[in-house]
N, C-alpha and C. Protein backbone atom coordinates (compact mmCIF):
# COMPACT_ATOMS: atom_id res chain seq x y z
N MET A 1 12.02 -9.74 49.27
CA MET A 1 12.93 -9.28 47.97
C MET A 1 13.07 -10.17 47.23
N PHE A 2 13.01 -11.76 47.56
CA PHE A 2 13.41 -12.59 46.58
C PHE A 2 11.99 -12.29 45.70
N GLY A 3 10.81 -12.43 46.57
CA GLY A 3 9.72 -12.59 45.99
C GLY A 3 9.47 -11.62 45.16
N SER A 4 9.87 -10.65 45.29
CA SER A 4 9.39 -9.41 44.36
C SER A 4 10.35 -9.20 43.23
N SER A 5 11.38 -10.00 43.31
CA SER A 5 12.55 -10.04 41.90
C SER A 5 11.87 -11.07 41.08
N THR A 6 11.27 -12.21 41.66
CA THR A 6 10.70 -13.21 40.91
C THR A 6 9.81 -12.95 40.13
N ARG A 7 8.88 -11.95 40.87
CA ARG A 7 7.26 -11.59 40.23
C ARG A 7 7.84 -10.92 39.00
N TRP A 8 8.90 -9.91 39.38
CA TRP A 8 9.53 -8.87 38.18
C TRP A 8 9.71 -9.85 37.00
N LEU A 9 10.70 -10.72 37.29
CA LEU A 9 11.46 -11.52 36.11
C LEU A 9 10.24 -12.35 35.29
N LEU A 10 8.90 -12.82 36.09
CA LEU A 10 7.86 -13.66 35.76
C LEU A 10 7.30 -12.63 34.85
N ASN A 11 7.00 -11.71 35.20
CA ASN A 11 6.26 -10.23 34.40
C ASN A 11 6.86 -10.19 33.16
N TRP A 12 8.06 -9.92 33.36
CA TRP A 12 9.09 -9.58 32.01
C TRP A 12 9.37 -10.67 31.03
N PHE A 13 9.03 -11.64 31.60
CA PHE A 13 9.26 -12.87 30.92
C PHE A 13 7.59 -13.11 30.18
N LYS A 14 6.72 -12.60 30.99
CA LYS A 14 5.23 -12.71 29.92
C LYS A 14 5.04 -11.46 29.15
N ARG A 15 5.71 -10.46 29.10
CA ARG A 15 5.60 -9.33 28.44
C ARG A 15 6.45 -9.73 27.22
N ASP A 16 7.35 -10.50 27.34
CA ASP A 16 8.72 -10.93 26.05
C ASP A 16 7.68 -11.76 25.26
N LEU A 17 6.64 -12.69 25.88
CA LEU A 17 6.16 -13.77 25.12
C LEU A 17 5.13 -13.06 24.77
N GLN A 18 4.28 -11.99 24.92
CA GLN A 18 3.01 -11.30 24.24
C GLN A 18 3.42 -10.63 23.38
N TRP A 19 4.66 -9.80 23.44
CA TRP A 19 5.13 -9.23 22.44
C TRP A 19 5.82 -9.99 21.19
N VAL A 20 6.42 -11.06 21.63
CA VAL A 20 6.86 -11.84 20.49
C VAL A 20 5.56 -12.56 19.50
N GLY A 21 4.56 -12.72 20.67
CA GLY A 21 3.26 -13.02 19.90
C GLY A 21 2.84 -12.07 18.84
N PHE A 22 2.72 -10.96 19.27
CA PHE A 22 2.24 -9.87 18.10
C PHE A 22 3.04 -9.96 16.97
N LEU A 23 4.37 -10.17 17.21
CA LEU A 23 5.44 -10.08 16.24
C LEU A 23 4.94 -11.37 15.10
N VAL A 24 5.15 -12.82 15.54
CA VAL A 24 4.35 -13.92 15.03
C VAL A 24 3.08 -13.55 14.18
N LEU A 25 1.94 -13.09 14.83
CA LEU A 25 0.96 -12.79 14.08
C LEU A 25 1.00 -11.73 12.74
N TYR A 26 2.03 -10.73 12.93
CA TYR A 26 2.47 -10.12 11.84
C TYR A 26 2.91 -10.86 10.72
N LEU A 27 4.01 -11.62 11.05
CA LEU A 27 4.66 -12.56 10.23
C LEU A 27 4.01 -13.24 9.43
N ILE A 28 2.86 -14.00 10.10
CA ILE A 28 2.04 -15.05 9.55
C ILE A 28 1.28 -14.24 8.28
N ASP A 29 0.80 -13.11 8.74
CA ASP A 29 0.04 -12.25 7.37
C ASP A 29 1.19 -12.18 6.46
N SER A 30 2.21 -11.81 6.59
CA SER A 30 3.20 -11.44 5.64
C SER A 30 3.55 -12.84 5.16
N MET A 31 3.51 -14.00 5.30
CA MET A 31 3.93 -15.25 4.95
C MET A 31 2.66 -15.61 4.11
N ILE A 32 1.39 -15.36 4.48
CA ILE A 32 0.27 -15.30 3.42
C ILE A 32 0.32 -14.58 2.15
N LEU A 33 0.92 -13.71 2.37
CA LEU A 33 1.13 -12.66 1.10
C LEU A 33 2.49 -13.50 0.08
N LEU A 34 3.37 -13.94 0.73
CA LEU A 34 4.60 -14.69 0.22
C LEU A 34 3.94 -16.05 -0.44
N LEU A 35 2.92 -16.47 0.19
CA LEU A 35 2.74 -17.98 -0.62
C LEU A 35 1.57 -17.62 -1.64
N ALA A 36 0.75 -16.49 -1.86
CA ALA A 36 0.20 -15.81 -2.60
C ALA A 36 1.08 -15.44 -3.90
N THR A 37 1.89 -14.64 -3.41
CA THR A 37 2.92 -14.24 -4.79
C THR A 37 3.76 -15.59 -5.31
N ASP A 38 4.04 -16.78 -4.59
CA ASP A 38 4.61 -17.86 -5.07
C ASP A 38 3.93 -18.43 -6.01
N GLN A 39 2.50 -18.66 -5.80
CA GLN A 39 1.13 -19.35 -6.33
C GLN A 39 1.10 -18.49 -7.89
N ALA A 40 1.15 -17.20 -7.39
CA ALA A 40 0.95 -16.22 -8.73
C ALA A 40 2.20 -16.57 -9.81
N SER A 41 3.21 -16.79 -9.50
CA SER A 41 4.41 -17.00 -10.11
C SER A 41 4.13 -18.59 -11.16
N ARG A 42 3.42 -19.66 -10.20
CA ARG A 42 2.99 -20.72 -10.82
C ARG A 42 1.78 -20.81 -11.41
N GLY A 43 0.99 -20.07 -11.54
CA GLY A 43 -0.30 -20.33 -12.19
C GLY A 43 -1.13 -20.65 -11.20
N GLY A 44 -1.16 -20.51 -9.45
CA GLY A 44 -1.88 -21.35 -8.98
C GLY A 44 -3.04 -20.26 -8.23
N SER A 45 -3.36 -21.11 -7.40
CA SER A 45 -4.78 -20.25 -6.68
C SER A 45 -4.32 -19.21 -6.29
N THR A 46 -3.83 -18.00 -6.61
CA THR A 46 -3.97 -16.79 -5.62
C THR A 46 -4.79 -16.07 -5.22
N ASN A 47 -5.86 -16.18 -5.61
CA ASN A 47 -7.15 -15.22 -5.40
C ASN A 47 -7.43 -15.88 -3.80
N GLN A 48 -7.56 -17.00 -3.52
CA GLN A 48 -8.08 -17.80 -2.44
C GLN A 48 -7.52 -17.15 -1.45
N LEU A 49 -5.73 -17.03 -1.71
CA LEU A 49 -4.69 -16.84 -0.88
C LEU A 49 -4.92 -15.36 -0.37
N ILE A 50 -4.94 -14.51 -1.27
CA ILE A 50 -5.00 -12.94 -1.16
C ILE A 50 -6.68 -12.88 -0.22
N GLY A 51 -7.75 -13.67 -0.61
CA GLY A 51 -8.94 -13.40 0.40
C GLY A 51 -8.30 -13.78 1.59
N THR A 52 -7.88 -14.86 2.07
CA THR A 52 -7.72 -15.34 3.50
C THR A 52 -6.61 -14.40 4.02
N MET A 53 -5.66 -13.63 3.26
CA MET A 53 -4.96 -12.48 3.97
C MET A 53 -5.61 -11.19 4.40
N LEU A 54 -6.73 -10.97 3.52
CA LEU A 54 -7.38 -9.56 3.67
C LEU A 54 -8.16 -10.07 4.98
N ILE A 55 -8.88 -11.15 4.93
CA ILE A 55 -9.85 -11.42 6.25
C ILE A 55 -8.96 -11.59 7.68
N TYR A 56 -7.62 -12.18 7.34
CA TYR A 56 -6.81 -12.41 8.49
C TYR A 56 -6.05 -10.65 8.88
N SER A 57 -5.79 -10.13 8.09
CA SER A 57 -5.37 -8.77 8.22
C SER A 57 -6.39 -7.79 8.80
N GLY A 58 -7.76 -7.98 8.56
CA GLY A 58 -8.79 -7.14 9.20
C GLY A 58 -8.80 -7.63 10.66
N LEU A 59 -8.68 -9.01 10.83
CA LEU A 59 -8.91 -9.57 12.43
C LEU A 59 -7.73 -8.90 13.06
N LEU A 60 -6.44 -9.06 12.37
CA LEU A 60 -5.29 -8.79 12.78
C LEU A 60 -5.37 -7.42 13.33
N LEU A 61 -5.83 -6.09 12.62
CA LEU A 61 -5.55 -4.93 12.75
C LEU A 61 -6.59 -4.53 13.77
N ALA A 62 -7.94 -5.33 13.83
CA ALA A 62 -8.68 -5.07 14.89
C ALA A 62 -8.17 -5.42 16.39
N PHE A 63 -7.48 -6.49 16.37
CA PHE A 63 -6.95 -7.29 17.67
C PHE A 63 -5.92 -6.24 18.04
N ILE A 64 -5.22 -5.78 17.13
CA ILE A 64 -3.84 -5.13 17.50
C ILE A 64 -4.59 -3.50 17.99
N THR A 65 -4.97 -3.25 17.65
CA THR A 65 -5.62 -2.04 17.89
C THR A 65 -6.39 -2.04 19.25
N TRP A 66 -7.07 -3.04 19.08
CA TRP A 66 -7.92 -2.97 20.79
C TRP A 66 -6.78 -3.28 21.74
N ARG A 67 -5.61 -4.24 21.67
CA ARG A 67 -5.03 -4.28 22.45
C ARG A 67 -3.83 -3.35 22.88
N TYR A 68 -3.74 -2.35 22.34
CA TYR A 68 -2.88 -1.08 22.25
C TYR A 68 -3.57 -0.38 23.09
N GLN A 69 -4.88 0.09 22.53
CA GLN A 69 -5.83 1.07 23.64
C GLN A 69 -5.70 0.65 24.66
N LYS A 70 -6.03 -0.89 25.07
CA LYS A 70 -6.06 -1.58 26.32
C LYS A 70 -4.91 -1.31 27.21
N GLN A 71 -3.97 -1.24 26.56
CA GLN A 71 -2.44 -1.26 27.14
C GLN A 71 -2.55 0.10 27.75
N LEU A 72 -2.96 1.27 26.82
CA LEU A 72 -2.83 2.52 27.09
C LEU A 72 -3.95 2.83 28.65
N GLN A 73 -4.75 2.26 28.51
CA GLN A 73 -6.02 2.50 29.38
C GLN A 73 -5.04 2.12 30.96
N GLN A 74 -4.44 0.96 30.71
CA GLN A 74 -4.25 0.27 32.04
C GLN A 74 -2.52 1.22 32.54
N ASN A 75 -1.82 1.62 31.59
CA ASN A 75 -0.48 2.07 31.96
C ASN A 75 -0.07 2.98 30.92
N ASN A 76 -0.01 4.62 31.34
CA ASN A 76 0.17 5.48 30.48
C ASN A 76 0.75 6.80 30.86
N PRO A 77 1.87 6.53 31.26
CA PRO A 77 2.54 7.66 31.87
C PRO A 77 3.24 9.00 31.11
N ARG A 78 3.30 8.48 29.87
CA ARG A 78 3.80 9.50 28.88
C ARG A 78 2.66 10.08 28.17
N GLN A 79 1.44 9.77 28.26
CA GLN A 79 0.03 10.21 28.07
C GLN A 79 -0.17 10.34 26.48
N PHE A 80 0.10 8.81 26.03
CA PHE A 80 -0.27 8.91 24.52
C PHE A 80 -1.69 8.87 24.50
N GLY A 81 -2.03 9.30 23.30
CA GLY A 81 -3.35 9.38 22.62
C GLY A 81 -3.49 9.56 21.59
N ARG A 82 -4.31 10.77 21.15
CA ARG A 82 -4.51 11.42 20.26
C ARG A 82 -4.60 12.66 20.02
N THR A 83 -3.65 13.57 19.72
CA THR A 83 -3.44 14.78 19.57
C THR A 83 -3.87 15.27 18.28
N PRO A 84 -4.47 16.84 18.38
CA PRO A 84 -5.29 17.41 17.39
C PRO A 84 -3.95 17.84 16.42
N PHE A 85 -4.40 17.60 15.35
CA PHE A 85 -3.66 18.31 14.19
C PHE A 85 -3.27 19.95 14.17
N SER A 86 -2.40 20.24 14.10
CA SER A 86 -2.10 21.70 13.57
C SER A 86 -0.95 21.87 12.61
N TRP A 87 -1.31 23.36 12.33
CA TRP A 87 0.26 23.48 11.37
C TRP A 87 1.47 23.34 11.85
N LYS A 88 1.40 23.75 12.99
CA LYS A 88 2.98 23.27 13.96
C LYS A 88 3.23 21.74 13.52
N SER A 89 2.43 20.81 14.07
CA SER A 89 2.25 19.68 14.33
C SER A 89 2.98 18.93 12.75
N ILE A 90 1.88 19.58 11.81
CA ILE A 90 2.33 19.14 10.30
C ILE A 90 3.60 19.44 9.79
N ALA A 91 4.08 20.68 10.13
CA ALA A 91 5.46 21.42 9.83
C ALA A 91 6.87 20.53 10.44
N GLN A 92 6.10 19.95 11.80
CA GLN A 92 6.98 18.82 12.74
C GLN A 92 7.33 17.53 12.12
N LEU A 93 5.78 17.25 11.14
CA LEU A 93 5.96 15.99 10.82
C LEU A 93 6.67 16.01 9.43
N VAL A 94 6.62 17.00 8.95
CA VAL A 94 7.59 17.41 7.24
C VAL A 94 9.01 17.18 8.00
N GLY A 95 9.17 17.66 9.29
CA GLY A 95 10.64 17.77 9.71
C GLY A 95 11.39 16.48 9.64
N PHE A 96 10.49 15.50 10.33
CA PHE A 96 10.87 14.14 10.72
C PHE A 96 11.02 13.40 9.42
N PHE A 97 9.99 13.64 8.38
CA PHE A 97 10.16 12.83 6.93
C PHE A 97 11.09 13.45 6.22
N ILE A 98 11.50 14.79 6.24
CA ILE A 98 12.50 15.06 5.54
C ILE A 98 14.03 14.49 6.03
N LEU A 99 14.22 14.18 7.41
CA LEU A 99 15.17 13.47 8.18
C LEU A 99 15.20 11.98 7.76
N MET A 100 14.00 11.35 7.64
CA MET A 100 13.99 9.97 7.10
C MET A 100 14.54 9.89 5.59
N MET A 101 14.02 10.88 4.85
CA MET A 101 14.46 11.06 3.23
C MET A 101 15.90 11.21 3.20
N ALA A 102 16.75 11.86 4.17
CA ALA A 102 17.83 12.35 4.20
C ALA A 102 18.64 10.80 4.37
N ILE A 103 18.22 9.91 5.41
CA ILE A 103 18.77 8.70 5.82
C ILE A 103 18.92 8.02 4.33
N GLN A 104 17.50 8.05 3.69
CA GLN A 104 17.43 7.16 2.32
C GLN A 104 18.40 7.64 1.03
N TYR A 105 18.26 8.85 1.14
CA TYR A 105 19.45 9.55 0.15
C TYR A 105 20.63 9.52 0.47
N ALA A 106 21.30 9.37 1.42
CA ALA A 106 22.83 9.21 2.19
C ALA A 106 22.98 7.74 1.41
N TRP A 107 21.87 6.60 2.08
CA TRP A 107 22.21 5.33 1.67
C TRP A 107 22.44 5.07 0.22
N GLY A 108 21.06 5.91 -0.44
CA GLY A 108 21.25 5.60 -1.82
C GLY A 108 22.45 5.99 -2.58
N LEU A 109 23.06 7.31 -2.27
CA LEU A 109 24.73 7.61 -2.82
C LEU A 109 25.16 6.76 -2.57
N LEU A 110 25.64 5.87 -1.32
CA LEU A 110 26.63 5.09 -1.21
C LEU A 110 26.50 3.74 -1.83
N ILE A 111 24.81 3.35 -2.19
CA ILE A 111 24.75 2.16 -3.18
C ILE A 111 25.18 2.57 -4.39
N HIS A 112 24.80 3.86 -4.84
CA HIS A 112 24.83 4.30 -6.37
C HIS A 112 26.42 4.25 -6.93
N PHE A 113 27.27 4.66 -5.83
CA PHE A 113 28.73 4.79 -5.83
C PHE A 113 29.62 3.45 -5.47
N HIS A 114 28.77 2.65 -5.53
CA HIS A 114 29.01 0.85 -5.21
C HIS A 114 30.23 0.69 -3.81
N ILE A 115 29.82 1.86 -2.64
CA ILE A 115 30.80 1.80 -1.80
C ILE A 115 29.92 0.84 -0.70
N LEU A 116 28.50 0.65 -0.74
CA LEU A 116 27.49 -0.55 -0.41
C LEU A 116 26.88 -1.07 -1.17
N GLN A 117 26.20 -2.45 -1.24
CA GLN A 117 25.57 -3.01 -1.75
C GLN A 117 23.90 -2.47 -1.79
N ASN A 118 23.16 -2.70 -2.41
CA ASN A 118 21.78 -2.71 -2.18
C ASN A 118 21.08 -3.72 -1.38
N PRO A 119 20.35 -3.25 -0.29
CA PRO A 119 19.82 -4.22 0.79
C PRO A 119 19.34 -5.42 0.13
N ALA A 120 19.67 -6.53 0.80
CA ALA A 120 18.57 -7.77 0.18
C ALA A 120 17.16 -7.65 0.79
N ASN A 121 16.92 -6.70 1.64
CA ASN A 121 15.60 -7.02 1.73
C ASN A 121 15.03 -6.12 0.49
N GLN A 122 15.29 -5.07 0.11
CA GLN A 122 14.70 -4.31 -1.09
C GLN A 122 14.79 -4.85 -2.07
N GLN A 123 15.85 -5.64 -2.42
CA GLN A 123 15.98 -6.69 -3.35
C GLN A 123 14.71 -7.83 -3.55
N ILE A 124 14.12 -8.21 -2.39
CA ILE A 124 13.25 -9.52 -2.20
C ILE A 124 12.12 -8.68 -2.71
N ILE A 125 12.03 -7.84 -1.89
CA ILE A 125 10.72 -6.77 -2.52
C ILE A 125 10.27 -6.50 -3.72
N ASP A 126 11.59 -6.10 -4.52
CA ASP A 126 11.32 -5.62 -6.09
C ASP A 126 10.98 -7.12 -6.60
N GLN A 127 11.63 -8.31 -6.38
CA GLN A 127 11.25 -9.55 -7.12
C GLN A 127 10.00 -9.86 -6.82
N GLN A 128 9.34 -9.70 -5.70
CA GLN A 128 7.90 -10.21 -5.49
C GLN A 128 6.82 -9.12 -5.98
N VAL A 129 7.29 -7.66 -5.95
CA VAL A 129 6.61 -6.68 -6.99
C VAL A 129 6.26 -7.17 -8.18
N VAL A 130 7.34 -7.71 -8.93
CA VAL A 130 7.12 -8.22 -10.53
C VAL A 130 6.41 -9.24 -10.47
N LYS A 131 6.31 -10.55 -9.52
CA LYS A 131 5.37 -11.47 -9.73
C LYS A 131 4.02 -11.17 -9.32
N LEU A 132 3.66 -10.27 -8.33
CA LEU A 132 2.39 -9.92 -7.84
C LEU A 132 2.19 -8.30 -7.72
N PRO A 133 2.07 -7.69 -8.32
CA PRO A 133 2.53 -6.32 -8.52
C PRO A 133 1.71 -5.52 -7.76
N PHE A 134 0.34 -5.61 -7.74
CA PHE A 134 -0.42 -4.72 -6.83
C PHE A 134 -0.59 -5.05 -5.39
N TRP A 135 -0.83 -6.34 -5.14
CA TRP A 135 -0.45 -6.53 -3.39
C TRP A 135 0.91 -6.50 -2.97
N ASN A 136 1.86 -6.52 -3.43
CA ASN A 136 2.94 -6.33 -2.85
C ASN A 136 3.63 -4.97 -2.79
N THR A 137 3.02 -4.24 -3.42
CA THR A 137 2.92 -2.57 -3.62
C THR A 137 1.94 -2.25 -2.47
N ALA A 138 1.04 -2.71 -2.46
CA ALA A 138 -0.18 -2.06 -1.59
C ALA A 138 0.03 -2.79 0.00
N TYR A 139 0.60 -3.62 0.01
CA TYR A 139 0.77 -4.10 1.64
C TYR A 139 1.92 -3.31 2.22
N PRO A 140 3.20 -3.28 1.97
CA PRO A 140 4.34 -2.61 2.65
C PRO A 140 3.91 -0.85 2.63
N ILE A 141 2.84 -0.44 1.62
CA ILE A 141 2.54 1.08 1.91
C ILE A 141 1.33 1.11 2.80
N LEU A 142 0.48 0.29 2.66
CA LEU A 142 -0.92 0.55 3.44
C LEU A 142 -0.89 -0.05 4.84
N LEU A 143 -0.62 -1.66 4.49
CA LEU A 143 -0.46 -2.64 6.16
C LEU A 143 0.33 -2.33 6.92
N ALA A 144 2.00 -2.54 6.41
CA ALA A 144 2.87 -2.84 7.08
C ALA A 144 3.11 -1.71 8.12
N PRO A 145 3.11 -0.49 7.73
CA PRO A 145 3.20 0.78 8.60
C PRO A 145 2.24 0.61 9.85
N ILE A 146 1.17 0.16 9.72
CA ILE A 146 0.19 0.09 10.84
C ILE A 146 0.66 -0.89 11.70
N TYR A 147 1.10 -2.27 11.09
CA TYR A 147 1.50 -3.21 11.78
C TYR A 147 2.65 -2.97 12.78
N GLU A 148 3.53 -2.35 12.16
CA GLU A 148 4.95 -2.40 12.49
C GLU A 148 4.96 -0.89 13.66
N GLU A 149 4.33 -0.10 13.49
CA GLU A 149 4.19 1.42 14.28
C GLU A 149 3.54 0.60 15.62
N PHE A 150 2.22 -0.27 15.65
CA PHE A 150 1.85 -0.72 16.77
C PHE A 150 2.80 -1.39 17.68
N ILE A 151 3.49 -2.37 16.76
CA ILE A 151 4.49 -3.32 17.19
C ILE A 151 5.79 -2.97 18.01
N PHE A 152 6.39 -2.25 16.98
CA PHE A 152 7.77 -1.71 17.38
C PHE A 152 7.96 -0.35 18.06
N ARG A 153 6.83 0.40 18.19
CA ARG A 153 6.92 1.22 18.89
C ARG A 153 5.71 1.58 20.06
N GLY A 154 4.33 1.42 19.51
CA GLY A 154 3.51 1.60 20.64
C GLY A 154 3.64 0.50 21.49
N ILE A 155 3.17 -0.95 21.33
CA ILE A 155 2.97 -1.77 22.45
C ILE A 155 4.52 -1.93 22.91
N PHE A 156 5.62 -2.08 22.20
CA PHE A 156 6.85 -2.14 22.83
C PHE A 156 7.39 -1.38 23.96
N LEU A 157 7.10 -0.06 23.68
CA LEU A 157 7.47 0.73 24.71
C LEU A 157 6.95 1.20 25.96
N ASN A 158 5.74 0.41 25.80
CA ASN A 158 4.81 0.35 26.91
C ASN A 158 4.98 -0.84 27.48
N TYR A 159 5.71 -1.97 26.80
CA TYR A 159 5.93 -3.02 27.55
C TYR A 159 7.34 -3.06 28.18
N PHE A 160 8.20 -2.53 27.75
CA PHE A 160 9.29 -2.72 28.45
C PHE A 160 9.91 -1.67 28.80
N PHE A 161 9.43 -0.44 28.38
CA PHE A 161 9.82 1.13 28.91
C PHE A 161 8.88 2.13 29.38
N ARG A 162 8.12 1.52 30.81
CA ARG A 162 7.38 2.27 30.71
C ARG A 162 7.48 3.64 31.75
N LYS A 163 8.58 3.48 32.07
CA LYS A 163 8.72 4.74 33.28
C LYS A 163 9.29 6.00 32.12
N ASN A 164 8.86 7.21 32.26
CA ASN A 164 8.82 8.49 31.42
C ASN A 164 9.97 9.22 32.04
N THR A 165 11.12 8.22 32.00
CA THR A 165 12.34 9.19 32.26
C THR A 165 13.45 9.36 30.92
N ARG A 166 14.06 10.08 30.85
CA ARG A 166 15.10 10.44 30.04
C ARG A 166 16.31 8.89 29.66
N LEU A 167 16.47 8.40 30.45
CA LEU A 167 17.06 7.10 30.39
C LEU A 167 16.29 6.08 29.47
N MET A 168 15.02 6.02 30.32
CA MET A 168 13.95 5.00 29.39
C MET A 168 13.58 5.24 28.15
N ASN A 169 13.32 6.81 27.80
CA ASN A 169 13.32 7.17 26.61
C ASN A 169 13.91 6.66 25.37
N PHE A 170 15.40 7.21 26.06
CA PHE A 170 16.48 6.82 25.21
C PHE A 170 16.77 5.10 25.07
N LEU A 171 16.68 4.80 26.18
CA LEU A 171 16.79 3.10 25.76
C LEU A 171 15.57 2.46 24.89
N GLY A 172 14.66 3.02 25.16
CA GLY A 172 13.36 2.61 24.55
C GLY A 172 13.34 2.72 23.07
N VAL A 173 14.07 3.93 22.53
CA VAL A 173 14.08 4.01 21.36
C VAL A 173 14.80 3.67 20.82
N PHE A 174 16.38 3.44 21.53
CA PHE A 174 17.64 2.82 20.70
C PHE A 174 17.19 1.35 20.39
N ILE A 175 16.63 0.56 21.32
CA ILE A 175 16.74 -0.92 21.23
C ILE A 175 15.59 -1.08 20.15
N SER A 176 14.43 -0.37 20.39
CA SER A 176 13.35 -0.63 19.36
C SER A 176 14.12 -0.70 17.87
N GLY A 177 14.79 0.52 17.94
CA GLY A 177 15.23 0.71 16.63
C GLY A 177 16.41 -0.52 15.94
N ILE A 178 16.86 -0.86 16.86
CA ILE A 178 17.81 -1.96 16.67
C ILE A 178 16.99 -3.26 16.38
N ILE A 179 15.90 -3.58 17.10
CA ILE A 179 15.13 -4.58 16.78
C ILE A 179 14.46 -4.52 15.49
N PHE A 180 14.04 -3.10 15.20
CA PHE A 180 13.07 -3.03 13.87
C PHE A 180 14.22 -3.13 12.69
N GLY A 181 15.35 -2.52 12.98
CA GLY A 181 16.58 -2.79 11.77
C GLY A 181 16.80 -4.47 11.86
N SER A 182 16.82 -4.92 12.86
CA SER A 182 17.16 -6.56 12.61
C SER A 182 16.11 -7.39 12.03
N MET A 183 14.80 -6.97 12.02
CA MET A 183 13.96 -7.64 11.24
C MET A 183 13.83 -7.46 9.88
N HIS A 184 14.65 -6.45 9.67
CA HIS A 184 14.67 -6.25 7.93
C HIS A 184 16.14 -6.70 7.53
N VAL A 185 17.02 -7.05 8.11
CA VAL A 185 18.26 -7.22 7.82
C VAL A 185 18.99 -8.68 8.83
N SER A 186 19.16 -9.40 7.86
CA SER A 186 19.71 -10.78 8.63
C SER A 186 21.43 -10.23 8.95
N GLY A 187 21.65 -10.68 10.19
CA GLY A 187 23.26 -10.31 10.39
C GLY A 187 23.49 -9.04 10.41
N LEU A 188 24.70 -8.62 10.97
CA LEU A 188 25.48 -7.42 11.24
C LEU A 188 25.81 -6.70 10.23
N SER A 189 25.73 -5.87 9.64
CA SER A 189 25.97 -5.12 8.53
C SER A 189 25.73 -3.74 8.48
N PRO A 190 26.39 -2.73 7.81
CA PRO A 190 26.13 -1.27 7.29
C PRO A 190 24.54 -1.19 7.09
N THR A 191 23.82 -2.18 6.27
CA THR A 191 22.13 -2.09 5.87
C THR A 191 21.50 -1.96 7.41
N LEU A 192 22.17 -2.87 8.29
CA LEU A 192 21.31 -2.71 9.70
C LEU A 192 21.20 -1.39 10.21
N LEU A 193 22.41 -0.72 10.19
CA LEU A 193 22.28 0.77 10.95
C LEU A 193 21.31 1.77 10.05
N MET A 194 21.40 1.40 8.86
CA MET A 194 20.21 2.33 7.98
C MET A 194 19.16 2.31 8.54
N TYR A 195 18.58 0.77 8.54
CA TYR A 195 16.98 0.60 9.06
C TYR A 195 16.71 0.63 10.47
N SER A 196 17.87 0.94 11.09
CA SER A 196 17.88 1.22 12.52
C SER A 196 17.66 2.61 12.88
N GLY A 197 18.54 3.15 11.61
CA GLY A 197 18.30 4.86 11.93
C GLY A 197 16.70 5.27 11.61
N LEU A 198 16.23 4.59 10.55
CA LEU A 198 14.88 4.79 10.33
C LEU A 198 13.79 4.39 11.53
N GLY A 199 14.21 3.78 12.16
CA GLY A 199 13.50 3.06 13.45
C GLY A 199 13.75 4.34 14.46
N TRP A 200 14.94 4.46 14.58
CA TRP A 200 15.27 5.89 15.69
C TRP A 200 14.28 7.18 15.27
N VAL A 201 14.28 7.28 14.41
CA VAL A 201 13.51 8.81 13.78
C VAL A 201 12.01 8.21 14.11
N LEU A 202 11.85 7.03 14.03
CA LEU A 202 9.95 6.83 14.22
C LEU A 202 9.95 6.91 15.77
N GLY A 203 10.82 6.32 16.53
CA GLY A 203 10.71 6.23 17.89
C GLY A 203 10.45 7.50 18.48
N ALA A 204 11.89 8.39 17.98
CA ALA A 204 11.46 9.64 18.36
C ALA A 204 10.48 10.43 17.94
N ALA A 205 9.85 10.44 17.00
CA ALA A 205 8.56 10.91 16.48
C ALA A 205 7.39 10.31 17.57
N TYR A 206 7.68 9.38 17.65
CA TYR A 206 6.17 8.60 18.77
C TYR A 206 6.13 9.47 19.92
N LEU A 207 7.57 9.73 20.65
CA LEU A 207 7.81 10.17 21.75
C LEU A 207 7.66 11.56 21.64
N HIS A 208 7.80 12.14 20.70
CA HIS A 208 7.50 13.71 20.52
C HIS A 208 6.02 13.79 20.37
N PHE A 209 5.33 13.26 19.25
CA PHE A 209 3.98 13.59 19.07
C PHE A 209 2.91 12.93 20.02
N LYS A 210 3.40 11.80 20.60
CA LYS A 210 2.83 10.93 21.78
C LYS A 210 1.14 10.50 20.81
N ASP A 211 1.13 10.37 19.81
CA ASP A 211 0.48 9.86 18.64
C ASP A 211 0.60 8.84 17.85
N ILE A 212 0.35 7.59 17.82
CA ILE A 212 0.79 6.83 16.61
C ILE A 212 0.41 7.08 15.25
N ARG A 213 -0.82 7.81 15.37
CA ARG A 213 -0.89 8.27 13.88
C ARG A 213 -0.04 8.96 13.18
N TYR A 214 0.88 9.71 13.89
CA TYR A 214 1.94 10.44 13.06
C TYR A 214 2.82 9.43 12.62
N ASN A 215 3.16 8.62 13.52
CA ASN A 215 4.06 7.61 13.29
C ASN A 215 3.65 6.78 11.91
N ILE A 216 2.53 6.20 11.81
CA ILE A 216 1.74 5.64 10.86
C ILE A 216 1.87 6.52 9.87
N ALA A 217 1.43 7.90 9.89
CA ALA A 217 1.85 8.51 8.38
C ALA A 217 3.35 8.76 8.00
N LEU A 218 4.01 8.69 8.96
CA LEU A 218 5.59 8.91 8.61
C LEU A 218 6.01 7.42 7.61
N HIS A 219 5.57 6.41 8.16
CA HIS A 219 6.14 5.10 7.94
C HIS A 219 5.34 4.85 6.45
N PHE A 220 4.35 5.56 6.59
CA PHE A 220 3.45 5.25 5.35
C PHE A 220 4.59 5.91 3.95
N LEU A 221 4.58 7.22 4.26
CA LEU A 221 5.35 7.98 3.41
C LEU A 221 6.73 7.58 2.94
N ASN A 222 7.33 6.85 3.93
CA ASN A 222 8.79 6.74 3.79
C ASN A 222 8.70 5.48 2.72
N ASN A 223 7.77 4.46 3.08
CA ASN A 223 7.24 3.07 2.42
C ASN A 223 6.85 3.59 0.90
N LEU A 224 5.92 4.52 0.65
CA LEU A 224 5.59 5.23 -0.29
C LEU A 224 6.76 5.64 -1.44
N MET A 225 7.53 6.59 -0.73
CA MET A 225 8.60 6.95 -1.70
C MET A 225 9.90 5.65 -2.12
N SER A 226 9.88 4.93 -1.03
CA SER A 226 10.72 3.89 -1.08
C SER A 226 10.47 2.99 -2.33
N LEU A 227 9.26 2.75 -2.91
CA LEU A 227 8.52 2.14 -3.70
C LEU A 227 8.32 2.37 -5.15
N ILE A 228 8.44 3.79 -5.23
CA ILE A 228 7.78 4.53 -6.29
C ILE A 228 9.01 4.65 -7.35
């Protein structure tokens, strides 16, 4: 009994380190773009840093995709994979997108009427876009959705909430949403609830469609609308 509990704790700790490792690799990519943006405002060597970021991004995307597929081959009780597109699935995807837009719209109204402040995360993005417009617009629309869906939904759920039960599904979506929100907001605040809400919708979509491509599409559309 003691041996099995020890093995369980060691495996849990190992999965923690592995998941944090994926997150760190993603943050390194973001930091390279941040450095390039800082250099652009100073007239520095931005092109070299952008080139480094593109090479790093390509390698990271290949690695994360490979690891996700490997993970599903080893343990996939929910039968995640590729589901064919249909008019029904597209209509459902639109429904999830409308729900995300409703959260964004409600939040925008609270900010407009000065009930809440504009999220600091969005203010930082806006400042970065001014300094380096193209890459700071392209990155959150094209690359960030892929990284974040693999890390916060795909890999996370199969690392920590493998059993296909109602309780595990609920806890997986809830906790992944909270972590997703906390990565966009520092400290407890109403803004954390908004980002977590978006994460909960994305988590529910992942369990519903069982195909990470739908999540990436939803995240892409959400970020696109936020930056337009």
